Amino acid sequence: MPIKLKIQGQSISVDERFANVSNFLKEAWQPDLDEELILSETQVTLRAFEALKSYYEFNSFEPQIIDAISNDPNTCFLNEFNRELIMKYNVFEGNELQELIQAAIYLQTVAFKKLCLARIAIEFYINKQEPNKSFNELKNRFNLKNTALTLGDVERFKQVYPTIVNKYN
């Protein structure tokens, strides 16, 4: 039985396997009732849901979870579809990537949230084998000429972004 959703006023039916990848749907959806679940318009946009839906459908509702980050999208993302899906979102412009993350958090979809976070993390990747080279490449990318990274900067980053630091460091 499909799951009936209402997103930004539009009715959508999705595969019941979504309840296996979304803790929100697992708790909220009742297969024996034929009711639409209304998703918060401030948390899930139709555009973000369509991206999330295509990600899980392509990966047969069993996507691999990204466990390591590199600065190369060809090796970071686990298949070409995932890479093309997420790389079209700009980290620094617009709010589309933010919408994706917000939908992933609201729907409690672990793999899709990690895909979105990996998209951000590759922009700031520092290779542990060559940290000075990586940091200089990062400075050049953002046109930072006379900027030095201090221990205080690193500690502040760890406090502000503990999830990214702990997972991908």
Protein backbone atom coordinates (compact mmCIF):
# COMPACT_ATOMS: atom_id res chain seq x y z
CA MET A 1 0.00 0.00 0.00
CA PRO A 2 1.54 3.34 -1.01
CA ILE A 3 2.16 6.11 1.47
CA LYS A 4 0.03 9.17 0.72
CA LEU A 5 1.68 12.51 1.41
CA LYS A 6 0.66 16.12 1.00
CA ILE A 7 3.62 18.40 0.33
CA GLN A 8 3.05 22.11 -0.23
CA GLY A 9 -0.58 21.40 -1.02
CA GLN A 10 0.18 18.69 -3.58
CA SER A 11 -0.86 15.06 -3.05
CA ILE A 12 1.82 12.46 -3.74
CA SER A 13 1.85 8.69 -3.36
CA VAL A 14 5.19 7.04 -2.66
CA ASP A 15 6.41 3.51 -2.22
CA GLU A 16 5.79 2.05 1.24
CA ARG A 17 9.52 1.26 1.44
CA PHE A 18 10.00 4.93 2.33
CA ALA A 19 8.94 3.91 5.84
CA ASN A 20 12.14 1.80 5.98
CA VAL A 21 14.42 4.77 5.25
CA SER A 22 12.54 7.53 7.08
CA ASN A 23 12.12 7.27 10.82
CA PHE A 24 9.49 10.01 10.59
CA LEU A 25 7.36 8.00 8.15
CA LYS A 26 7.96 4.80 10.09
CA GLU A 27 6.34 6.43 13.12
CA ALA A 28 3.68 8.57 11.41
CA TRP A 29 2.38 6.29 8.65
CA GLN A 30 -0.32 3.80 9.51
CA PRO A 31 -0.80 1.33 6.65
CA ASP A 32 -4.27 0.33 7.77
CA LEU A 33 -5.52 3.95 7.46
CA ASP A 34 -5.98 5.50 4.05
CA GLU A 35 -5.07 9.04 5.12
CA GLU A 36 -2.67 11.58 3.71
CA LEU A 37 0.23 12.61 5.89
CA ILE A 38 0.65 16.36 5.69
CA LEU A 39 4.31 17.33 5.76
CA SER A 40 5.24 20.70 7.23
CA GLU A 41 5.64 23.23 4.43
CA THR A 42 8.36 24.99 6.39
CA GLN A 43 10.37 21.78 6.66
CA VAL A 44 9.88 19.96 3.34
CA THR A 45 9.57 21.59 -0.06
CA LEU A 46 8.23 19.69 -3.04
CA ARG A 47 11.52 20.26 -4.87
CA ALA A 48 13.57 18.85 -1.96
CA PHE A 49 11.27 15.87 -1.60
CA GLU A 50 11.55 15.04 -5.30
CA ALA A 51 15.37 14.96 -4.99
CA LEU A 52 15.16 12.80 -1.86
CA LYS A 53 12.64 10.50 -3.55
CA SER A 54 14.77 10.03 -6.66
CA TYR A 55 17.82 9.26 -4.48
CA TYR A 56 16.07 6.48 -2.59
CA GLU A 57 14.28 5.07 -5.63
CA PHE A 58 17.50 4.89 -7.66
CA ASN A 59 19.29 3.19 -4.76
CA SER A 60 16.40 0.71 -4.30
CA PHE A 61 15.70 2.10 -0.81
CA GLU A 62 19.01 0.61 0.39
CA PRO A 63 21.66 3.25 -0.33
CA GLN A 64 25.18 2.86 0.95
CA ILE A 65 26.03 5.49 3.51
CA ILE A 66 29.00 7.72 2.75
CA ASP A 67 31.70 6.96 5.26
CA ALA A 68 34.74 8.82 3.92
CA ILE A 69 35.26 12.19 2.31
CA SER A 70 37.76 13.29 -0.30
CA ASN A 71 38.02 16.44 -2.36
CA ASP A 72 37.15 14.49 -5.51
CA PRO A 73 33.42 14.05 -6.18
CA ASN A 74 34.22 11.07 -8.42
CA THR A 75 35.54 9.07 -5.46
CA CYS A 76 33.52 10.62 -2.62
CA PHE A 77 30.04 9.77 -3.87
CA LEU A 78 29.27 6.09 -4.15
CA ASN A 79 27.79 6.05 -7.65
CA GLU A 80 27.41 8.35 -10.62
CA PHE A 81 23.71 9.00 -10.02
CA ASN A 82 24.33 10.16 -6.43
CA ARG A 83 27.25 12.34 -7.55
CA GLU A 84 25.26 14.01 -10.32
CA LEU A 85 22.23 14.46 -8.08
CA ILE A 86 24.07 16.24 -5.26
CA MET A 87 26.82 18.08 -7.16
CA LYS A 88 24.26 20.24 -9.00
CA TYR A 89 23.55 22.00 -5.69
CA ASN A 90 25.86 24.90 -4.96
CA VAL A 91 27.12 25.09 -1.39
CA PHE A 92 27.62 28.85 -1.50
CA GLU A 93 24.70 30.12 -3.57
CA GLY A 94 20.97 29.82 -3.12
CA ASN A 95 19.17 27.78 -0.50
CA GLU A 96 18.44 24.54 -2.37
CA LEU A 97 21.06 22.51 -0.49
CA GLN A 98 19.72 23.89 2.78
CA GLU A 99 16.23 22.75 1.74
CA LEU A 100 17.56 19.24 1.09
CA ILE A 101 19.24 19.06 4.49
CA GLN A 102 16.14 20.41 6.22
CA ALA A 103 13.94 17.78 4.52
CA ALA A 104 16.42 15.02 5.41
CA ILE A 105 16.42 16.09 9.05
CA TYR A 106 12.63 16.42 9.23
CA LEU A 107 12.03 13.06 7.58
CA GLN A 108 14.92 11.51 9.52
CA THR A 109 16.64 9.96 6.51
CA VAL A 110 20.20 9.13 7.53
CA ALA A 111 21.76 8.26 4.16
CA PHE A 112 20.36 11.31 2.35
CA LYS A 113 21.42 13.64 5.15
CA LYS A 114 24.97 12.26 4.98
CA LEU A 115 24.95 12.70 1.20
CA CYS A 116 24.08 16.39 1.69
CA LEU A 117 26.68 16.88 4.42
CA ALA A 118 29.30 15.21 2.24
CA ARG A 119 28.49 17.75 -0.49
CA ILE A 120 29.46 20.51 1.95
CA ALA A 121 32.43 18.67 3.41
CA ILE A 122 34.20 18.10 0.08
CA GLU A 123 34.44 21.87 -0.32
CA PHE A 124 36.52 22.08 2.85
CA TYR A 125 38.42 18.79 2.69
CA ILE A 126 41.91 18.72 4.19
CA ASN A 127 43.99 15.65 3.36
CA LYS A 128 45.63 14.36 6.55
CA GLN A 129 48.61 13.12 4.53
CA GLU A 130 49.25 16.56 3.03
CA PRO A 131 47.54 19.11 5.28
CA ASN A 132 49.68 22.10 4.24
CA LYS A 133 49.12 21.44 0.53
CA SER A 134 45.39 20.93 1.08
CA PHE A 135 45.07 24.05 3.18
CA ASN A 136 46.92 26.12 0.56
CA GLU A 137 44.58 24.77 -2.14
CA LEU A 138 41.62 25.71 0.06
CA LYS A 139 43.01 29.23 0.58
CA ASN A 140 43.49 29.63 -3.18
CA ARG A 141 39.95 28.43 -3.89
CA PHE A 142 38.54 31.12 -1.59
CA ASN A 143 41.12 33.74 -2.58
CA LEU A 144 42.59 34.02 0.92
CA LYS A 145 46.15 35.27 0.46
CA ASN A 146 47.55 36.09 3.90
CA THR A 147 45.41 33.95 6.08
CA ALA A 148 46.84 31.51 8.57
CA LEU A 149 44.81 28.82 10.25
CA THR A 150 45.33 28.97 13.99
CA LEU A 151 44.75 26.31 16.61
CA GLY A 152 41.95 28.52 17.93
CA ASP A 153 40.27 28.45 14.49
CA VAL A 154 40.40 24.66 14.46
CA GLU A 155 38.97 24.41 17.99
CA ARG A 156 36.17 26.86 17.13
CA PHE A 157 35.33 24.82 14.02
CA LYS A 158 35.20 21.63 16.12
CA GLN A 159 32.76 23.24 18.54
CA VAL A 160 30.52 24.77 15.87
CA TYR A 161 30.47 21.67 13.61
CA PRO A 162 31.04 18.67 15.90
CA THR A 163 29.10 16.23 13.70
CA ILE A 164 31.16 16.95 10.60
CA VAL A 165 34.45 16.99 12.52
CA ASN A 166 33.75 13.76 14.39
CA LYS A 167 32.39 11.89 11.37
CA TYR A 168 34.75 13.01 8.65
CA ASN A 169 37.95 13.77 10.53
